[in-house]
Amino acid sequence: MKVYVLFLIQFIIWSGYTLTEWLSKHDHPLYNGLMFLVFFYLAVVIGENFIQSQRKVLFITAFSLGLYASFHIVLSYFHFPPILQK
């Protein structure tokens, strides 16, 4: 159950990263990379509070990031109505 809760919390973290990246779309790519590292570190630290095994935390973090990225890529191919594209 802890793994499932951690997975959901990390999805919230990745969603927060996507929102902040969208809000700072005119920033330099270096700053977006640094912001990603901050969110990744946040996901790992929160994961270590739930699960004591660092190897499990890194695996779950990488898996949740990969799954979130794949959802994000797949959904970017769908065309939404113009009112939702702003």
N, C-alpha and C. Protein backbone atom coordinates (compact mmCIF):
# COMPACT_ATOMS: atom_id res chain seq x y z
N MET A 1 0.82 -1.19 0.00
CA MET A 1 0.00 0.00 0.00
C MET A 1 0.87 1.27 0.00
N LYS A 2 2.02 1.22 0.67
CA LYS A 2 2.90 2.38 0.70
C LYS A 2 3.43 2.70 -0.70
N VAL A 3 3.69 1.66 -1.46
CA VAL A 3 4.20 1.86 -2.82
C VAL A 3 3.15 2.55 -3.68
N TYR A 4 1.91 2.13 -3.53
CA TYR A 4 0.82 2.73 -4.31
C TYR A 4 0.63 4.20 -3.94
N VAL A 5 0.65 4.51 -2.65
CA VAL A 5 0.49 5.89 -2.20
C VAL A 5 1.67 6.74 -2.70
N LEU A 6 2.87 6.21 -2.61
CA LEU A 6 4.04 6.93 -3.10
C LEU A 6 3.94 7.17 -4.60
N PHE A 7 3.46 6.18 -5.33
CA PHE A 7 3.28 6.31 -6.78
C PHE A 7 2.31 7.45 -7.09
N LEU A 8 1.20 7.53 -6.36
CA LEU A 8 0.22 8.59 -6.59
C LEU A 8 0.78 9.97 -6.22
N ILE A 9 1.53 10.03 -5.12
CA ILE A 9 2.13 11.30 -4.72
C ILE A 9 3.15 11.76 -5.76
N GLN A 10 3.91 10.83 -6.29
CA GLN A 10 4.88 11.21 -7.31
C GLN A 10 4.20 11.65 -8.60
N PHE A 11 3.05 11.08 -8.92
CA PHE A 11 2.30 11.57 -10.08
C PHE A 11 1.86 13.01 -9.85
N ILE A 12 1.50 13.34 -8.62
CA ILE A 12 1.13 14.72 -8.29
C ILE A 12 2.35 15.63 -8.44
N ILE A 13 3.52 15.14 -8.03
CA ILE A 13 4.75 15.92 -8.16
C ILE A 13 5.06 16.17 -9.63
N TRP A 14 4.94 15.13 -10.46
CA TRP A 14 5.23 15.31 -11.89
C TRP A 14 4.21 16.23 -12.55
N SER A 15 2.97 16.19 -12.09
CA SER A 15 1.96 17.11 -12.60
C SER A 15 2.30 18.55 -12.21
N GLY A 16 2.79 18.72 -10.99
CA GLY A 16 3.23 20.05 -10.55
C GLY A 16 4.39 20.55 -11.39
N TYR A 17 5.31 19.65 -11.72
CA TYR A 17 6.43 20.04 -12.59
C TYR A 17 5.92 20.47 -13.97
N THR A 18 4.99 19.72 -14.51
CA THR A 18 4.44 20.06 -15.82
C THR A 18 3.76 21.43 -15.77
N LEU A 19 3.03 21.69 -14.70
CA LEU A 19 2.36 22.99 -14.56
C LEU A 19 3.38 24.12 -14.46
N THR A 20 4.40 23.95 -13.65
CA THR A 20 5.40 25.03 -13.52
C THR A 20 6.21 25.20 -14.80
N GLU A 21 6.44 24.11 -15.51
CA GLU A 21 7.14 24.23 -16.80
C GLU A 21 6.28 24.98 -17.81
N TRP A 22 4.98 24.72 -17.78
CA TRP A 22 4.06 25.41 -18.68
C TRP A 22 3.98 26.89 -18.34
N LEU A 23 3.99 27.22 -17.04
CA LEU A 23 3.93 28.62 -16.62
C LEU A 23 5.22 29.37 -16.94
N SER A 24 6.34 28.65 -17.02
CA SER A 24 7.63 29.31 -17.31
C SER A 24 8.14 28.90 -18.68
N LYS A 25 7.27 28.94 -19.67
CA LYS A 25 7.64 28.47 -21.01
C LYS A 25 8.65 29.37 -21.70
N HIS A 26 8.83 30.59 -21.23
CA HIS A 26 9.78 31.50 -21.86
C HIS A 26 11.13 31.51 -21.15
N ASP A 27 11.31 30.65 -20.17
CA ASP A 27 12.58 30.58 -19.45
C ASP A 27 13.64 29.87 -20.29
N HIS A 28 14.87 30.07 -19.92
CA HIS A 28 16.00 29.41 -20.57
C HIS A 28 15.91 27.90 -20.28
N PRO A 29 16.25 27.04 -21.25
CA PRO A 29 16.18 25.58 -21.02
C PRO A 29 17.03 25.10 -19.84
N LEU A 30 18.11 25.79 -19.54
CA LEU A 30 18.93 25.42 -18.39
C LEU A 30 18.13 25.53 -17.10
N TYR A 31 17.31 26.58 -17.00
CA TYR A 31 16.50 26.76 -15.80
C TYR A 31 15.42 25.68 -15.69
N ASN A 32 14.88 25.27 -16.83
CA ASN A 32 13.91 24.18 -16.80
C ASN A 32 14.57 22.87 -16.37
N GLY A 33 15.81 22.66 -16.79
CA GLY A 33 16.54 21.47 -16.36
C GLY A 33 16.83 21.49 -14.87
N LEU A 34 17.22 22.65 -14.37
CA LEU A 34 17.45 22.78 -12.93
C LEU A 34 16.16 22.59 -12.14
N MET A 35 15.06 23.10 -12.69
CA MET A 35 13.77 22.93 -12.04
C MET A 35 13.37 21.44 -12.02
N PHE A 36 13.69 20.72 -13.10
CA PHE A 36 13.41 19.28 -13.11
C PHE A 36 14.21 18.57 -12.03
N LEU A 37 15.48 18.94 -11.87
CA LEU A 37 16.30 18.32 -10.83
C LEU A 37 15.74 18.58 -9.43
N VAL A 38 15.21 19.78 -9.22
CA VAL A 38 14.60 20.09 -7.92
C VAL A 38 13.36 19.21 -7.69
N PHE A 39 12.53 19.07 -8.69
CA PHE A 39 11.33 18.22 -8.54
C PHE A 39 11.71 16.75 -8.39
N PHE A 40 12.75 16.31 -9.09
CA PHE A 40 13.21 14.93 -8.96
C PHE A 40 13.73 14.69 -7.54
N TYR A 41 14.50 15.64 -7.02
CA TYR A 41 15.01 15.52 -5.66
C TYR A 41 13.85 15.51 -4.66
N LEU A 42 12.85 16.35 -4.88
CA LEU A 42 11.68 16.37 -4.02
C LEU A 42 10.95 15.03 -4.04
N ALA A 43 10.83 14.42 -5.21
CA ALA A 43 10.17 13.12 -5.32
C ALA A 43 10.95 12.05 -4.57
N VAL A 44 12.27 12.09 -4.67
CA VAL A 44 13.10 11.09 -3.98
C VAL A 44 13.04 11.28 -2.46
N VAL A 45 13.11 12.52 -2.00
CA VAL A 45 13.07 12.77 -0.55
C VAL A 45 11.73 12.36 0.04
N ILE A 46 10.65 12.68 -0.64
CA ILE A 46 9.34 12.26 -0.15
C ILE A 46 9.23 10.74 -0.19
N GLY A 47 9.79 10.12 -1.22
CA GLY A 47 9.77 8.66 -1.31
C GLY A 47 10.55 8.01 -0.19
N GLU A 48 11.67 8.61 0.21
CA GLU A 48 12.46 8.04 1.30
C GLU A 48 11.74 8.15 2.64
N ASN A 49 10.82 9.10 2.77
CA ASN A 49 10.02 9.18 3.98
C ASN A 49 8.97 8.07 4.05
N PHE A 50 8.51 7.59 2.90
CA PHE A 50 7.52 6.51 2.86
C PHE A 50 8.18 5.14 2.94
N ILE A 51 9.21 4.95 2.13
CA ILE A 51 9.86 3.64 2.02
C ILE A 51 11.32 3.82 2.40
N GLN A 52 11.81 2.96 3.26
CA GLN A 52 13.16 3.12 3.79
C GLN A 52 14.25 2.61 2.84
N SER A 53 13.90 1.85 1.84
CA SER A 53 14.87 1.31 0.90
C SER A 53 15.14 2.33 -0.21
N GLN A 54 16.38 2.77 -0.30
CA GLN A 54 16.72 3.77 -1.32
C GLN A 54 16.63 3.19 -2.73
N ARG A 55 16.95 1.92 -2.87
CA ARG A 55 16.88 1.28 -4.19
C ARG A 55 15.43 1.22 -4.67
N LYS A 56 14.51 0.87 -3.78
CA LYS A 56 13.10 0.82 -4.15
C LYS A 56 12.58 2.21 -4.51
N VAL A 57 13.00 3.19 -3.73
CA VAL A 57 12.54 4.56 -3.99
C VAL A 57 13.01 5.03 -5.36
N LEU A 58 14.26 4.79 -5.69
CA LEU A 58 14.77 5.21 -7.00
C LEU A 58 14.07 4.47 -8.13
N PHE A 59 13.77 3.19 -7.92
CA PHE A 59 13.05 2.42 -8.94
C PHE A 59 11.64 2.97 -9.13
N ILE A 60 10.93 3.20 -8.02
CA ILE A 60 9.55 3.70 -8.11
C ILE A 60 9.54 5.10 -8.72
N THR A 61 10.51 5.94 -8.36
CA THR A 61 10.58 7.29 -8.93
C THR A 61 10.84 7.23 -10.43
N ALA A 62 11.78 6.41 -10.85
CA ALA A 62 12.06 6.29 -12.28
C ALA A 62 10.87 5.71 -13.03
N PHE A 63 10.21 4.72 -12.42
CA PHE A 63 9.04 4.11 -13.06
C PHE A 63 7.89 5.10 -13.18
N SER A 64 7.61 5.85 -12.10
CA SER A 64 6.51 6.82 -12.16
C SER A 64 6.82 7.94 -13.14
N LEU A 65 8.08 8.37 -13.20
CA LEU A 65 8.47 9.40 -14.16
C LEU A 65 8.32 8.89 -15.59
N GLY A 66 8.75 7.67 -15.84
CA GLY A 66 8.62 7.09 -17.18
C GLY A 66 7.17 6.92 -17.59
N LEU A 67 6.34 6.46 -16.67
CA LEU A 67 4.92 6.28 -16.97
C LEU A 67 4.24 7.63 -17.20
N TYR A 68 4.56 8.60 -16.36
CA TYR A 68 3.98 9.93 -16.54
C TYR A 68 4.42 10.55 -17.87
N ALA A 69 5.69 10.40 -18.20
CA ALA A 69 6.19 10.94 -19.47
C ALA A 69 5.52 10.26 -20.66
N SER A 70 5.32 8.95 -20.57
CA SER A 70 4.66 8.25 -21.68
C SER A 70 3.20 8.69 -21.81
N PHE A 71 2.50 8.89 -20.70
CA PHE A 71 1.13 9.43 -20.77
C PHE A 71 1.14 10.82 -21.39
N HIS A 72 2.09 11.62 -20.98
CA HIS A 72 2.18 12.99 -21.48
C HIS A 72 2.44 13.00 -23.00
N ILE A 73 3.31 12.13 -23.46
CA ILE A 73 3.62 12.06 -24.89
C ILE A 73 2.43 11.55 -25.69
N VAL A 74 1.76 10.51 -25.17
CA VAL A 74 0.60 9.96 -25.88
C VAL A 74 -0.52 10.98 -25.95
N LEU A 75 -0.78 11.68 -24.84
CA LEU A 75 -1.87 12.66 -24.84
C LEU A 75 -1.55 13.89 -25.68
N SER A 76 -0.27 14.15 -25.93
CA SER A 76 0.08 15.30 -26.76
C SER A 76 -0.27 15.07 -28.24
N TYR A 77 -0.53 13.84 -28.63
CA TYR A 77 -0.90 13.56 -30.00
C TYR A 77 -2.38 13.76 -30.28
N PHE A 78 -3.19 13.85 -29.22
CA PHE A 78 -4.61 14.09 -29.40
C PHE A 78 -4.85 15.57 -29.63
N HIS A 79 -5.82 15.86 -30.47
CA HIS A 79 -6.16 17.25 -30.76
C HIS A 79 -7.38 17.62 -29.93
N PHE A 80 -7.20 18.60 -29.06
CA PHE A 80 -8.28 19.04 -28.21
C PHE A 80 -8.97 20.23 -28.84
N PRO A 81 -10.18 20.51 -28.43
CA PRO A 81 -10.89 21.68 -28.99
C PRO A 81 -10.08 22.96 -28.73
N PRO A 82 -10.24 23.97 -29.57
CA PRO A 82 -9.44 25.19 -29.46
C PRO A 82 -9.55 25.89 -28.11
N ILE A 83 -10.65 25.73 -27.42
CA ILE A 83 -10.81 26.41 -26.13
C ILE A 83 -9.88 25.81 -25.08
N LEU A 84 -9.48 24.56 -25.24
CA LEU A 84 -8.60 23.92 -24.28
C LEU A 84 -7.13 24.07 -24.64
N GLN A 85 -6.82 24.60 -25.80
CA GLN A 85 -5.43 24.71 -26.23
C GLN A 85 -4.75 25.95 -25.70
N LYS A 86 -5.45 26.85 -25.08
CA LYS A 86 -4.83 28.07 -24.55
C LYS A 86 -4.19 27.71 -23.29
